[in-house]
Amino acid sequence: MDLIRNPQLAGQSRWTAKKFYSHFTDELSVEIGYIMVVRWFHERGFARKVPRFWPDRQDEKSREAFVQQHKVYPADPEIDL
């Protein structure tokens, strides 16, 4: 956990999941999947600070229609969510 809280110990200014994964697999020779590293961070209360990709030129009318159409699903007893 010291390495997580102090990325300077590994010569980093801050950690991203990708950087930590690379350090873990390359420097420490540990075989682990990237998703496992992300999950491990999440389970310990860490969150992504870099926004996820958001495609340009989205159709807002279609998006709103989709949201309205799917709002009824949680209340429908026939649908298991």
Protein backbone atom coordinates (compact mmCIF):
# COMPACT_ATOMS: atom_id res chain seq x y z
CA MET A 1 0.00 0.00 0.00
CA ASP A 2 2.97 2.32 0.50
CA LEU A 3 3.67 2.18 -3.22
CA ILE A 4 0.08 3.19 -3.98
CA ARG A 5 0.08 6.14 -1.59
CA ASN A 6 3.62 7.22 -2.55
CA PRO A 7 4.17 6.84 -6.30
CA GLN A 8 7.47 8.69 -5.87
CA LEU A 9 8.89 5.40 -4.53
CA ALA A 10 8.58 4.09 -8.09
CA GLY A 11 9.71 7.32 -9.75
CA GLN A 12 6.16 8.44 -10.62
CA SER A 13 4.45 11.73 -9.80
CA ARG A 14 1.02 10.06 -9.69
CA TRP A 15 -0.53 6.72 -10.53
CA THR A 16 -3.00 5.89 -13.20
CA ALA A 17 -4.32 2.35 -13.46
CA LYS A 18 -2.37 1.94 -16.71
CA LYS A 19 0.89 3.19 -15.17
CA PHE A 20 0.47 1.03 -12.08
CA TYR A 21 -0.37 -2.00 -14.22
CA SER A 22 2.79 -1.45 -16.28
CA HIS A 23 4.91 -1.03 -13.16
CA PHE A 24 3.39 -4.11 -11.57
CA THR A 25 3.87 -6.36 -14.60
CA ASP A 26 7.18 -5.01 -15.96
CA GLU A 27 9.14 -3.95 -12.88
CA LEU A 28 7.82 -6.48 -10.38
CA SER A 29 7.31 -9.32 -12.91
CA VAL A 30 3.81 -10.10 -11.66
CA GLU A 31 1.32 -11.65 -14.07
CA ILE A 32 -2.05 -9.97 -13.60
CA GLY A 33 -4.74 -8.60 -15.88
CA TYR A 34 -5.34 -4.88 -16.31
CA ILE A 35 -9.00 -5.21 -15.29
CA MET A 36 -7.91 -6.89 -12.05
CA VAL A 37 -5.72 -3.88 -11.26
CA VAL A 38 -8.62 -1.50 -11.93
CA ARG A 39 -10.92 -3.64 -9.76
CA TRP A 40 -8.30 -3.75 -6.98
CA PHE A 41 -8.06 0.06 -6.99
CA HIS A 42 -11.85 0.39 -6.94
CA GLU A 43 -12.24 -2.07 -4.03
CA ARG A 44 -9.87 0.09 -1.99
CA GLY A 45 -11.84 3.27 -2.58
CA PHE A 46 -9.84 4.74 -5.43
CA ALA A 47 -11.77 6.32 -8.29
CA ARG A 48 -10.94 7.36 -11.82
CA LYS A 49 -10.10 11.01 -12.13
CA VAL A 50 -9.58 11.03 -15.87
CA PRO A 51 -12.93 11.36 -17.63
CA ARG A 52 -13.95 8.59 -19.93
CA PHE A 53 -14.19 9.16 -23.66
CA TRP A 54 -17.44 10.79 -24.79
CA PRO A 55 -18.12 10.58 -28.53
CA ASP A 56 -18.78 13.76 -30.47
CA ARG A 57 -21.90 14.44 -32.53
CA GLN A 58 -24.35 12.50 -30.43
CA ASP A 59 -28.03 12.78 -31.24
CA GLU A 60 -29.56 14.31 -28.11
CA LYS A 61 -33.13 13.54 -29.23
CA SER A 62 -32.29 9.86 -29.63
CA ARG A 63 -30.51 9.87 -26.27
CA GLU A 64 -33.53 11.39 -24.52
CA ALA A 65 -35.91 8.95 -26.24
CA PHE A 66 -33.72 6.07 -25.07
CA VAL A 67 -33.73 7.36 -21.48
CA GLN A 68 -37.50 7.82 -21.47
CA GLN A 69 -38.06 4.37 -22.96
CA HIS A 70 -35.87 2.68 -20.35
CA LYS A 71 -37.15 4.58 -17.29
CA VAL A 72 -40.08 2.18 -17.03
CA TYR A 73 -37.91 -0.94 -16.66
CA PRO A 74 -37.13 -0.64 -12.92
CA ALA A 75 -40.86 -0.42 -12.10
CA ASP A 76 -41.85 -3.37 -14.32
CA PRO A 77 -42.22 -6.54 -12.19
CA GLU A 78 -41.82 -8.71 -15.30
CA ILE A 79 -38.26 -7.48 -15.86
CA ASP A 80 -35.43 -8.76 -13.68
CA LEU A 81 -32.69 -6.14 -13.44
